[in-house]
PDB file of N, CA and C in Angstrom:
ATOM      1  N   MET A   1       0.577  -1.222  -0.035  1.00  0.00           N
ATOM      2  CA  MET A   1      -0.003   0.051   0.064  1.00  0.00           C
ATOM      3  C   MET A   1       0.815   0.832   0.316  1.00  0.00           C
ATOM      4  N   LYS A   2       0.824   2.419  -0.777  1.00  0.00           N
ATOM      5  CA  LYS A   2       1.182   3.868  -1.039  1.00  0.00           C
ATOM      6  C   LYS A   2      -0.198   4.761  -0.833  1.00  0.00           C
ATOM      7  N   ARG A   3       1.208   5.786   0.290  1.00  0.00           N
ATOM      8  CA  ARG A   3      -0.118   6.763   0.538  1.00  0.00           C
ATOM      9  C   ARG A   3       0.418   7.932   0.229  1.00  0.00           C
ATOM     10  N   LYS A   4       0.539   9.483   0.258  1.00  0.00           N
ATOM     11  CA  LYS A   4       1.186  10.680  -0.040  1.00  0.00           C
ATOM     12  C   LYS A   4       1.121  11.414   1.927  1.00  0.00           C
ATOM     13  N   ASP A   5       2.253  11.438   2.452  1.00  0.00           N
ATOM     14  CA  ASP A   5       1.953  12.218   3.325  1.00  0.00           C
ATOM     15  C   ASP A   5       0.953  13.390   3.446  1.00  0.00           C
ATOM     16  N   ASN A   6       0.792  14.021   4.824  1.00  0.00           N
ATOM     17  CA  ASN A   6      -0.202  15.263   4.606  1.00  0.00           C
ATOM     18  C   ASN A   6       0.401  16.571   3.766  1.00  0.00           C
ATOM     19  N   THR A   7       1.218  16.324   3.338  1.00  0.00           N
ATOM     20  CA  THR A   7       2.038  17.361   2.752  1.00  0.00           C
ATOM     21  C   THR A   7       1.897  16.877   1.330  1.00  0.00           C
ATOM     22  N   GLY A   8       1.870  15.893   0.892  1.00  0.00           N
ATOM     23  CA  GLY A   8       1.598  15.256  -0.143  1.00  0.00           C
ATOM     24  C   GLY A   8       3.012  15.268  -1.398  1.00  0.00           C
ATOM     25  N   SER A   9       4.302  15.471  -0.727  1.00  0.00           N
ATOM     26  CA  SER A   9       5.818  15.314  -1.547  1.00  0.00           C
ATOM     27  C   SER A   9       6.073  14.204  -0.862  1.00  0.00           C
ATOM     28  N   SER A  10       5.840  13.342  -0.055  1.00  0.00           N
ATOM     29  CA  SER A  10       6.546  12.069  -0.238  1.00  0.00           C
ATOM     30  C   SER A  10       6.058  11.140  -0.201  1.00  0.00           C
ATOM     31  N   GLU A  11       6.037  10.214  -0.486  1.00  0.00           N
ATOM     32  CA  GLU A  11       5.642   8.183  -0.485  1.00  0.00           C
ATOM     33  C   GLU A  11       6.072   7.263   0.602  1.00  0.00           C
ATOM     34  N   GLN A  12       4.940   7.049   1.418  1.00  0.00           N
ATOM     35  CA  GLN A  12       4.744   6.044   2.061  1.00  0.00           C
ATOM     36  C   GLN A  12       4.014   4.831   1.761  1.00  0.00           C
ATOM     37  N   ARG A  13       4.770   3.903   1.958  1.00  0.00           N
ATOM     38  CA  ARG A  13       5.014   2.605   1.304  1.00  0.00           C
ATOM     39  C   ARG A  13       4.715   1.705   3.006  1.00  0.00           C
ATOM     40  N   ILE A  14       3.272   1.228   3.068  1.00  0.00           N
ATOM     41  CA  ILE A  14       3.179   0.615   4.440  1.00  0.00           C
ATOM     42  C   ILE A  14       2.959  -1.401   4.131  1.00  0.00           C
ATOM     43  N   PRO A  15       3.926  -1.962   4.219  1.00  0.00           N
ATOM     44  CA  PRO A  15       4.673  -2.047   5.266  1.00  0.00           C
ATOM     45  C   PRO A  15       5.900  -1.606   4.323  1.00  0.00           C
ATOM     46  N   ILE A  16       6.705  -0.760   4.964  1.00  0.00           N
ATOM     47  CA  ILE A  16       8.176  -0.418   4.112  1.00  0.00           C
ATOM     48  C   ILE A  16       8.629  -1.501   4.055  1.00  0.00           C
ATOM     49  N   PRO A  17       8.788  -2.006   2.621  1.00  0.00           N
ATOM     50  CA  PRO A  17      10.242  -3.226   2.990  1.00  0.00           C
ATOM     51  C   PRO A  17      11.282  -3.213   3.049  1.00  0.00           C
ATOM     52  N   PRO A  18      11.682  -4.439   4.101  1.00  0.00           N
ATOM     53  CA  PRO A  18      12.923  -4.952   4.173  1.00  0.00           C
ATOM     54  C   PRO A  18      13.692  -4.534   3.149  1.00  0.00           C
ATOM     55  N   LEU A  19      14.831  -4.343   3.825  1.00  0.00           N
ATOM     56  CA  LEU A  19      16.300  -4.015   3.879  1.00  0.00           C
ATOM     57  C   LEU A  19      16.336  -2.184   2.972  1.00  0.00           C
ATOM     58  N   SER A  20      15.076  -1.290   3.659  1.00  0.00           N
ATOM     59  CA  SER A  20      14.887   0.187   2.949  1.00  0.00           C
ATOM     60  C   SER A  20      16.265   0.295   4.175  1.00  0.00           C
ATOM     61  N   VAL A  21      16.501   1.829   4.006  1.00  0.00           N
ATOM     62  CA  VAL A  21      17.484   2.678   4.565  1.00  0.00           C
ATOM     63  C   VAL A  21      17.193   4.004   4.811  1.00  0.00           C
ATOM     64  N   VAL A  22      17.302   4.264   6.461  1.00  0.00           N
ATOM     65  CA  VAL A  22      16.243   5.249   7.177  1.00  0.00           C
ATOM     66  C   VAL A  22      17.164   5.981   7.694  1.00  0.00           C
ATOM     67  N   ARG A  23      16.839   7.485   8.169  1.00  0.00           N
ATOM     68  CA  ARG A  23      18.107   8.317   8.927  1.00  0.00           C
ATOM     69  C   ARG A  23      17.547   8.407   9.804  1.00  0.00           C
ATOM     70  N   VAL A  24      17.744   8.623  11.045  1.00  0.00           N
ATOM     71  CA  VAL A  24      16.905   9.720  12.036  1.00  0.00           C
ATOM     72  C   VAL A  24      17.089  11.390  11.685  1.00  0.00           C
ATOM     73  N   ALA A  25      15.705  11.662  11.728  1.00  0.00           N
ATOM     74  CA  ALA A  25      16.380  13.306  11.447  1.00  0.00           C
ATOM     75  C   ALA A  25      15.420  14.201  12.475  1.00  0.00           C
ATOM     76  N   TYR A  26      14.342  13.480  13.108  1.00  0.00           N
ATOM     77  CA  TYR A  26      13.889  14.940  13.380  1.00  0.00           C
ATOM     78  C   TYR A  26      13.427  13.931  15.458  1.00  0.00           C
ATOM     79  N   ALA A  27      13.720  14.505  15.848  1.00  0.00           N
ATOM     80  CA  ALA A  27      13.576  13.938  17.649  1.00  0.00           C
ATOM     81  C   ALA A  27      12.756  15.545  18.744  1.00  0.00           C
ATOM     82  N   GLU A  28      12.013  14.936  19.388  1.00  0.00           N
ATOM     83  CA  GLU A  28      11.540  16.282  19.963  1.00  0.00           C
ATOM     84  C   GLU A  28      12.564  16.782  21.132  1.00  0.00           C
ATOM     85  N   ARG A  29      12.056  17.396  21.879  1.00  0.00           N
ATOM     86  CA  ARG A  29      13.840  18.049  22.973  1.00  0.00           C
ATOM     87  C   ARG A  29      14.006  17.245  24.065  1.00  0.00           C
ATOM     88  N   ASN A  30      12.957  16.481  24.517  1.00  0.00           N
ATOM     89  CA  ASN A  30      13.390  15.465  25.745  1.00  0.00           C
ATOM     90  C   ASN A  30      13.461  14.120  25.174  1.00  0.00           C
ATOM     91  N   SER A  31      13.665  13.858  23.577  1.00  0.00           N
ATOM     92  CA  SER A  31      13.376  11.816  23.178  1.00  0.00           C
ATOM     93  C   SER A  31      14.834  11.812  23.321  1.00  0.00           C
ATOM     94  N   SER A  32      14.898  10.630  23.555  1.00  0.00           N
ATOM     95  CA  SER A  32      16.063  10.055  23.040  1.00  0.00           C
ATOM     96  C   SER A  32      16.626   9.495  22.125  1.00  0.00           C
ATOM     97  N   LEU A  33      15.942  10.090  21.596  1.00  0.00           N
ATOM     98  CA  LEU A  33      16.574  10.297  19.700  1.00  0.00           C
ATOM     99  C   LEU A  33      17.088  11.496  19.692  1.00  0.00           C
ATOM    100  N   ARG A  34      17.108  12.050  20.670  1.00  0.00           N
ATOM    101  CA  ARG A  34      18.469  13.535  20.193  1.00  0.00           C
ATOM    102  C   ARG A  34      19.608  12.953  19.386  1.00  0.00           C
ATOM    103  N   THR A  35      20.287  11.861  20.903  1.00  0.00           N
ATOM    104  CA  THR A  35      21.047  11.437  20.514  1.00  0.00           C
ATOM    105  C   THR A  35      21.604  10.526  19.422  1.00  0.00           C
ATOM    106  N   LEU A  36      20.798  10.558  18.787  1.00  0.00           N
ATOM    107  CA  LEU A  36      21.024   8.978  17.595  1.00  0.00           C
ATOM    108  C   LEU A  36      20.771   9.736  16.432  1.00  0.00           C
ATOM    109  N   LYS A  37      20.511  11.309  16.284  1.00  0.00           N
ATOM    110  CA  LYS A  37      20.237  11.795  14.939  1.00  0.00           C
ATOM    111  C   LYS A  37      20.987  12.042  14.311  1.00  0.00           C
ATOM    112  N   GLY A  38      20.714  12.062  13.121  1.00  0.00           N
ATOM    113  CA  GLY A  38      22.015  11.526  11.135  1.00  0.00           C
ATOM    114  C   GLY A  38      21.860   9.858  11.745  1.00  0.00           C
ATOM    115  N   GLN A  39      21.881   8.970  12.680  1.00  0.00           N
ATOM    116  CA  GLN A  39      21.952   7.962  12.526  1.00  0.00           C
ATOM    117  C   GLN A  39      21.025   7.254  11.381  1.00  0.00           C
ATOM    118  N   VAL A  40      21.659   5.931  10.551  1.00  0.00           N
ATOM    119  CA  VAL A  40      21.511   5.259   9.505  1.00  0.00           C
ATOM    120  C   VAL A  40      21.026   3.923  10.329  1.00  0.00           C
ATOM    121  N   PHE A  41      20.330   3.383   9.405  1.00  0.00           N
ATOM    122  CA  PHE A  41      19.426   2.124   9.859  1.00  0.00           C
ATOM    123  C   PHE A  41      19.152   1.261   8.961  1.00  0.00           C
ATOM    124  N   ARG A  42      19.034   0.254   8.661  1.00  0.00           N
ATOM    125  CA  ARG A  42      18.209  -0.520   7.873  1.00  0.00           C
ATOM    126  C   ARG A  42      17.547  -1.359   8.259  1.00  0.00           C
ATOM    127  N   VAL A  43      16.339  -1.354   7.420  1.00  0.00           N
ATOM    128  CA  VAL A  43      14.482  -2.107   8.218  1.00  0.00           C
ATOM    129  C   VAL A  43      15.170  -2.956   7.954  1.00  0.00           C
ATOM    130  N   GLY A  44      14.809  -3.951   8.845  1.00  0.00           N
ATOM    131  CA  GLY A  44      15.005  -5.279   9.059  1.00  0.00           C
ATOM    132  C   GLY A  44      13.395  -6.091   8.730  1.00  0.00           C
ATOM    133  N   TYR A  45      13.871  -7.418   9.108  1.00  0.00           N
ATOM    134  CA  TYR A  45      12.591  -8.864   8.325  1.00  0.00           C
ATOM    135  C   TYR A  45      11.731  -8.332   9.782  1.00  0.00           C
ATOM    136  N   TYR A  46      10.287  -8.394   9.045  1.00  0.00           N
ATOM    137  CA  TYR A  46       9.250  -8.382   9.936  1.00  0.00           C
ATOM    138  C   TYR A  46       9.078  -9.855  10.873  1.00  0.00           C
ATOM    139  N   ASN A  47       8.409  -9.685  11.709  1.00  0.00           N
ATOM    140  CA  ASN A  47       8.078 -11.057  12.513  1.00  0.00           C
ATOM    141  C   ASN A  47       6.737 -11.168  12.810  1.00  0.00           C
ATOM    142  N   ARG A  48       6.217 -12.394  12.523  1.00  0.00           N
ATOM    143  CA  ARG A  48       4.923 -12.501  12.091  1.00  0.00           C
ATOM    144  C   ARG A  48       4.103 -12.139  13.834  1.00  0.00           C
ATOM    145  N   ARG A  49       4.832 -12.806  14.733  1.00  0.00           N
ATOM    146  CA  ARG A  49       3.605 -12.189  16.160  1.00  0.00           C
ATOM    147  C   ARG A  49       4.055 -11.268  16.190  1.00  0.00           C
ATOM    148  N   ASP A  50       4.846  -9.929  15.797  1.00  0.00           N
ATOM    149  CA  ASP A  50       4.661  -8.663  15.926  1.00  0.00           C
ATOM    150  C   ASP A  50       3.861  -8.144  14.971  1.00  0.00           C
ATOM    151  N   GLY A  51       3.754  -8.608  13.825  1.00  0.00           N
ATOM    152  CA  GLY A  51       2.926  -8.419  13.060  1.00  0.00           C
ATOM    153  C   GLY A  51       3.700  -7.156  11.790  1.00  0.00           C
ATOM    154  N   LEU A  52       2.890  -6.442  11.747  1.00  0.00           N
ATOM    155  CA  LEU A  52       3.434  -5.458   9.824  1.00  0.00           C
ATOM    156  C   LEU A  52       3.230  -4.100  10.250  1.00  0.00           C
ATOM    157  N   ASP A  53       3.164  -4.107  11.733  1.00  0.00           N
ATOM    158  CA  ASP A  53       3.425  -2.214  12.195  1.00  0.00           C
ATOM    159  C   ASP A  53       4.640  -2.848  12.984  1.00  0.00           C
ATOM    160  N   CYS A  54       5.119  -3.391  13.085  1.00  0.00           N
ATOM    161  CA  CYS A  54       6.518  -3.584  14.097  1.00  0.00           C
ATOM    162  C   CYS A  54       7.876  -3.587  13.379  1.00  0.00           C
ATOM    163  N   ILE A  55       7.900  -2.444  13.322  1.00  0.00           N
ATOM    164  CA  ILE A  55       9.348  -2.163  12.287  1.00  0.00           C
ATOM    165  C   ILE A  55      10.645  -2.730  13.022  1.00  0.00           C
ATOM    166  N   TRP A  56      11.388  -3.792  12.655  1.00  0.00           N
ATOM    167  CA  TRP A  56      12.209  -3.598  13.574  1.00  0.00           C
ATOM    168  C   TRP A  56      13.778  -2.395  12.345  1.00  0.00           C
ATOM    169  N   LEU A  57      14.155  -1.982  13.183  1.00  0.00           N
ATOM    170  CA  LEU A  57      15.855  -1.320  13.222  1.00  0.00           C
ATOM    171  C   LEU A  57      16.722  -1.666  12.968  1.00  0.00           C
ATOM    172  N   VAL A  58      17.928  -1.682  12.175  1.00  0.00           N
ATOM    173  CA  VAL A  58      18.995  -2.951  12.083  1.00  0.00           C
ATOM    174  C   VAL A  58      20.153  -1.696  12.770  1.00  0.00           C
ATOM    175  N   ASN A  59      21.326  -1.766  13.247  1.00  0.00           N
ATOM    176  CA  ASN A  59      22.140  -0.619  12.921  1.00  0.00           C
ATOM    177  C   ASN A  59      23.202  -1.937  12.171  1.00  0.00           C
ATOM    178  N   ASP A  60      24.596  -0.631  12.256  1.00  0.00           N
ATOM    179  CA  ASP A  60      25.647  -1.060  10.977  1.00  0.00           C
ATOM    180  C   ASP A  60      25.906  -2.452  11.721  1.00  0.00           C
ATOM    181  N   ALA A  61      25.955  -2.531  12.637  1.00  0.00           N
ATOM    182  CA  ALA A  61      26.862  -4.291  13.804  1.00  0.00           C
ATOM    183  C   ALA A  61      25.705  -5.298  13.204  1.00  0.00           C
ATOM    184  N   GLY A  62      24.316  -5.074  12.580  1.00  0.00           N
ATOM    185  CA  GLY A  62      24.027  -6.162  12.061  1.00  0.00           C
ATOM    186  C   GLY A  62      23.056  -6.520  13.612  1.00  0.00           C
ATOM    187  N   ARG A  63      22.653  -6.142  13.934  1.00  0.00           N
ATOM    188  CA  ARG A  63      21.606  -6.326  15.589  1.00  0.00           C
ATOM    189  C   ARG A  63      20.596  -5.563  15.420  1.00  0.00           C
ATOM    190  N   TYR A  64      19.154  -6.548  15.264  1.00  0.00           N
ATOM    191  CA  TYR A  64      18.137  -5.664  15.625  1.00  0.00           C
ATOM    192  C   TYR A  64      18.315  -4.902  16.587  1.00  0.00           C
ATOM    193  N   GLU A  65      17.928  -3.250  16.872  1.00  0.00           N
ATOM    194  CA  GLU A  65      18.257  -2.578  18.314  1.00  0.00           C
ATOM    195  C   GLU A  65      16.943  -2.276  18.480  1.00  0.00           C
ATOM    196  N   GLN A  66      15.884  -1.785  17.438  1.00  0.00           N
ATOM    197  CA  GLN A  66      15.309  -1.074  18.876  1.00  0.00           C
ATOM    198  C   GLN A  66      13.592  -1.390  17.161  1.00  0.00           C
ATOM    199  N   THR A  67      12.479  -0.799  17.881  1.00  0.00           N
ATOM    200  CA  THR A  67      11.283  -1.103  16.844  1.00  0.00           C
ATOM    201  C   THR A  67      10.426  -0.066  17.244  1.00  0.00           C
ATOM    202  N   VAL A  68       9.887   0.356  16.248  1.00  0.00           N
ATOM    203  CA  VAL A  68       9.168   1.571  15.920  1.00  0.00           C
ATOM    204  C   VAL A  68       7.937   1.092  14.945  1.00  0.00           C
ATOM    205  N   ASP A  69       6.516   1.881  15.052  1.00  0.00           N
ATOM    206  CA  ASP A  69       6.232   1.977  14.072  1.00  0.00           C
ATOM    207  C   ASP A  69       5.736   2.818  12.851  1.00  0.00           C
ATOM    208  N   HIS A  70       5.634   2.207  12.041  1.00  0.00           N
ATOM    209  CA  HIS A  70       5.005   3.483  10.374  1.00  0.00           C
ATOM    210  C   HIS A  70       4.916   4.617  10.944  1.00  0.00           C
ATOM    211  N   LYS A  71       3.373   4.697  11.847  1.00  0.00           N
ATOM    212  CA  LYS A  71       3.242   6.407  12.090  1.00  0.00           C
ATOM    213  C   LYS A  71       4.734   7.070  13.154  1.00  0.00           C
ATOM    214  N   PHE A  72       5.634   7.121  13.890  1.00  0.00           N
ATOM    215  CA  PHE A  72       6.823   6.887  14.153  1.00  0.00           C
ATOM    216  C   PHE A  72       8.017   7.068  13.230  1.00  0.00           C
ATOM    217  N   LEU A  73       7.892   6.186  12.422  1.00  0.00           N
ATOM    218  CA  LEU A  73       8.784   5.885  11.460  1.00  0.00           C
ATOM    219  C   LEU A  73       8.849   7.381  10.657  1.00  0.00           C
ATOM    220  N   TYR A  74       7.682   7.663   9.872  1.00  0.00           N
ATOM    221  CA  TYR A  74       7.506   8.807   9.048  1.00  0.00           C
ATOM    222  C   TYR A  74       7.916   9.975   9.280  1.00  0.00           C
ATOM    223  N   ARG A  75       7.239  10.362  10.906  1.00  0.00           N
ATOM    224  CA  ARG A  75       7.142  11.178  11.495  1.00  0.00           C
ATOM    225  C   ARG A  75       8.723  11.754  11.809  1.00  0.00           C
ATOM    226  N   HIS A  76       9.814  10.905  12.445  1.00  0.00           N
ATOM    227  CA  HIS A  76      11.284  11.037  12.336  1.00  0.00           C
ATOM    228  C   HIS A  76      11.749  10.512  11.423  1.00  0.00           C
ATOM    229  N   PHE A  77      11.978   9.991  10.780  1.00  0.00           N
ATOM    230  CA  PHE A  77      13.072   9.682   9.684  1.00  0.00           C
ATOM    231  C   PHE A  77      12.617   9.906   7.987  1.00  0.00           C
ATOM    232  N   ASP A  78      13.867  10.094   7.612  1.00  0.00           N
ATOM    233  CA  ASP A  78      13.349  10.065   6.366  1.00  0.00           C
ATOM    234  C   ASP A  78      14.178   9.105   5.909  1.00  0.00           C
ATOM    235  N   VAL A  79      13.145   8.452   4.697  1.00  0.00           N
ATOM    236  CA  VAL A  79      14.009   7.409   4.160  1.00  0.00           C
ATOM    237  C   VAL A  79      14.795   7.516   2.772  1.00  0.00           C
ATOM    238  N   ILE A  80      15.730   6.945   3.428  1.00  0.00           N
ATOM    239  CA  ILE A  80      17.269   7.012   2.074  1.00  0.00           C
ATOM    240  C   ILE A  80      16.868   6.244   0.894  1.00  0.00           C
ATOM    241  N   ASN A  81      16.460   4.837   1.126  1.00  0.00           N
ATOM    242  CA  ASN A  81      16.195   4.714  -0.259  1.00  0.00           C
ATOM    243  C   ASN A  81      14.865   3.324   0.582  1.00  0.00           C
ATOM    244  N   PHE A  82      14.057   2.876  -0.943  1.00  0.00           N
ATOM    245  CA  PHE A  82      12.863   1.795  -0.127  1.00  0.00           C
ATOM    246  C   PHE A  82      13.893   0.781  -1.113  1.00  0.00           C
ATOM    247  N   ALA A  83      13.736  -0.094   0.056  1.00  0.00           N
ATOM    248  CA  ALA A  83      14.029  -1.417  -1.384  1.00  0.00           C
ATOM    249  C   ALA A  83      12.874  -2.000  -1.718  1.00  0.00           C
ATOM    250  N   GLU A  84      13.570  -3.020  -3.176  1.00  0.00           N
ATOM    251  CA  GLU A  84      12.633  -3.701  -4.099  1.00  0.00           C
ATOM    252  C   GLU A  84      12.629  -4.580  -3.216  1.00  0.00           C
ATOM    253  N   HIS A  85      11.961  -5.286  -1.995  1.00  0.00           N
ATOM    254  CA  HIS A  85      12.057  -6.575  -1.721  1.00  0.00           C
ATOM    255  C   HIS A  85      10.774  -6.979  -1.329  1.00  0.00           C
ATOM    256  N   ASN A  86      10.376  -8.186  -1.818  1.00  0.00           N
ATOM    257  CA  ASN A  86       8.851  -8.659  -1.296  1.00  0.00           C
ATOM    258  C   ASN A  86       9.029 -10.027  -0.286  1.00  0.00           C
ATOM    259  N   ASN A  87      10.457 -10.271   0.258  1.00  0.00           N
ATOM    260  CA  ASN A  87      10.326 -11.038   1.374  1.00  0.00           C
ATOM    261  C   ASN A  87      10.015 -10.171   2.877  1.00  0.00           C
ATOM    262  N   LEU A  88       8.884  -9.910   3.410  1.00  0.00           N
ATOM    263  CA  LEU A  88       8.842  -9.683   4.202  1.00  0.00           C
ATOM    264  C   LEU A  88       8.958  -9.595   5.595  1.00  0.00           C
ATOM    265  N   TYR A  89       9.206 -11.455   5.989  1.00  0.00           N
ATOM    266  CA  TYR A  89       9.589 -12.118   6.825  1.00  0.00           C
ATOM    267  C   TYR A  89      10.768 -12.561   7.019  1.00  0.00           C
ATOM    268  N   GLY A  90      11.110 -12.550   6.122  1.00  0.00           N
ATOM    269  CA  GLY A  90      12.510 -13.064   5.788  1.00  0.00           C
ATOM    270  C   GLY A  90      12.420 -14.518   5.128  1.00  0.00           C
ATOM    271  N   ARG A  91      11.848 -15.351   5.085  1.00  0.00           N
ATOM    272  CA  ARG A  91      12.090 -16.528   4.726  1.00  0.00           C
ATOM    273  C   ARG A  91      12.785 -17.303   3.841  1.00  0.00           C
ATOM    274  N   LYS A  92      13.674 -18.208   4.480  1.00  0.00           N
ATOM    275  CA  LYS A  92      14.927 -19.015   3.885  1.00  0.00           C
ATOM    276  C   LYS A  92      15.558 -17.970   3.351  1.00  0.00           C
ATOM    277  N   ARG A  93      16.103 -16.726   4.825  1.00  0.00           N
ATOM    278  CA  ARG A  93      16.900 -15.886   4.584  1.00  0.00           C
ATOM    279  C   ARG A  93      17.535 -15.608   5.590  1.00  0.00           C
ATOM    280  N   PRO A  94      18.637 -15.267   5.067  1.00  0.00           N
ATOM    281  CA  PRO A  94      19.365 -14.879   7.194  1.00  0.00           C
ATOM    282  C   PRO A  94      19.707 -13.908   7.733  1.00  0.00           C
ATOM    283  N   LYS A  95      19.607 -13.214   9.086  1.00  0.00           N
ATOM    284  CA  LYS A  95      19.160 -12.119   9.988  1.00  0.00           C
ATOM    285  C   LYS A  95      20.200 -10.901   8.820  1.00  0.00           C
ATOM    286  N   LEU A  96      20.429 -10.477   8.947  1.00  0.00           N
ATOM    287  CA  LEU A  96      21.359  -8.908   7.957  1.00  0.00           C
ATOM    288  C   LEU A  96      22.134  -8.761   8.940  1.00  0.00           C
ATOM    289  N   PRO A  97      23.576  -8.869   7.770  1.00  0.00           N
ATOM    290  CA  PRO A  97      24.850  -9.013   8.542  1.00  0.00           C
ATOM    291  C   PRO A  97      25.217  -7.457   8.345  1.00  0.00           C
ATOM    292  N   PRO A  98      26.633  -7.407   9.508  1.00  0.00           N
ATOM    293  CA  PRO A  98      26.924  -5.858   9.665  1.00  0.00           C
ATOM    294  C   PRO A  98      27.343  -5.878   8.476  1.00  0.00           C
ATOM    295  N   ILE A  99      27.392  -4.259   8.261  1.00  0.00           N
ATOM    296  CA  ILE A  99      27.901  -3.623   7.456  1.00  0.00           C
ATOM    297  C   ILE A  99      29.568  -2.927   7.195  1.00  0.00           C
ATOM    298  N   ARG A 100      29.762  -4.118   6.264  1.00  0.00           N
ATOM    299  CA  ARG A 100      31.466  -3.837   5.806  1.00  0.00           C
ATOM    300  C   ARG A 100      32.023  -2.501   5.403  1.00  0.00           C
ATOM    301  N   SER A 101      32.651  -1.905   6.315  1.00  0.00           N
ATOM    302  CA  SER A 101      33.180  -0.896   5.807  1.00  0.00           C
ATOM    303  C   SER A 101      34.212  -1.154   4.770  1.00  0.00           C
ATOM    304  N   ALA A 102      34.081   0.282   3.703  1.00  0.00           N
ATOM    305  CA  ALA A 102      34.755   0.405   2.281  1.00  0.00           C
ATOM    306  C   ALA A 102      36.389   0.183   2.351  1.00  0.00           C
ATOM    307  N   ALA A 103      36.813  -0.416   1.160  1.00  0.00           N
ATOM    308  CA  ALA A 103      38.443  -1.109   1.285  1.00  0.00           C
ATOM    309  C   ALA A 103      38.676   0.578   0.974  1.00  0.00           C
ATOM    310  N   ARG A 104      40.632   0.931   1.899  1.00  0.00           N
ATOM    311  CA  ARG A 104      40.491   2.157   1.754  1.00  0.00           C
ATOM    312  C   ARG A 104      41.578   1.816   0.816  1.00  0.00           C
TER     313      ARG A 104
END
């Protein structure tokens, strides 16, 4: 499902595909997100027990670090890249590996 946000300027996909890349863009004054502003995460595979509105954020080390819902994601994060991935639950797929550093 796709929808426009209330400004009509950006696309919101629900559910956001796994392997998409998001960045923390906005945090309220007293939010714990303030320390993470600018950090990039990958969207992990969904869990059948949690449902499709429980988005797992995967850090650079490949750890499923925290969860958010779509409303929170689209309010506080910029979507850098929507993945073209249809396997929402990661069936027969390994967990996301750590990000490899670029060769110097």
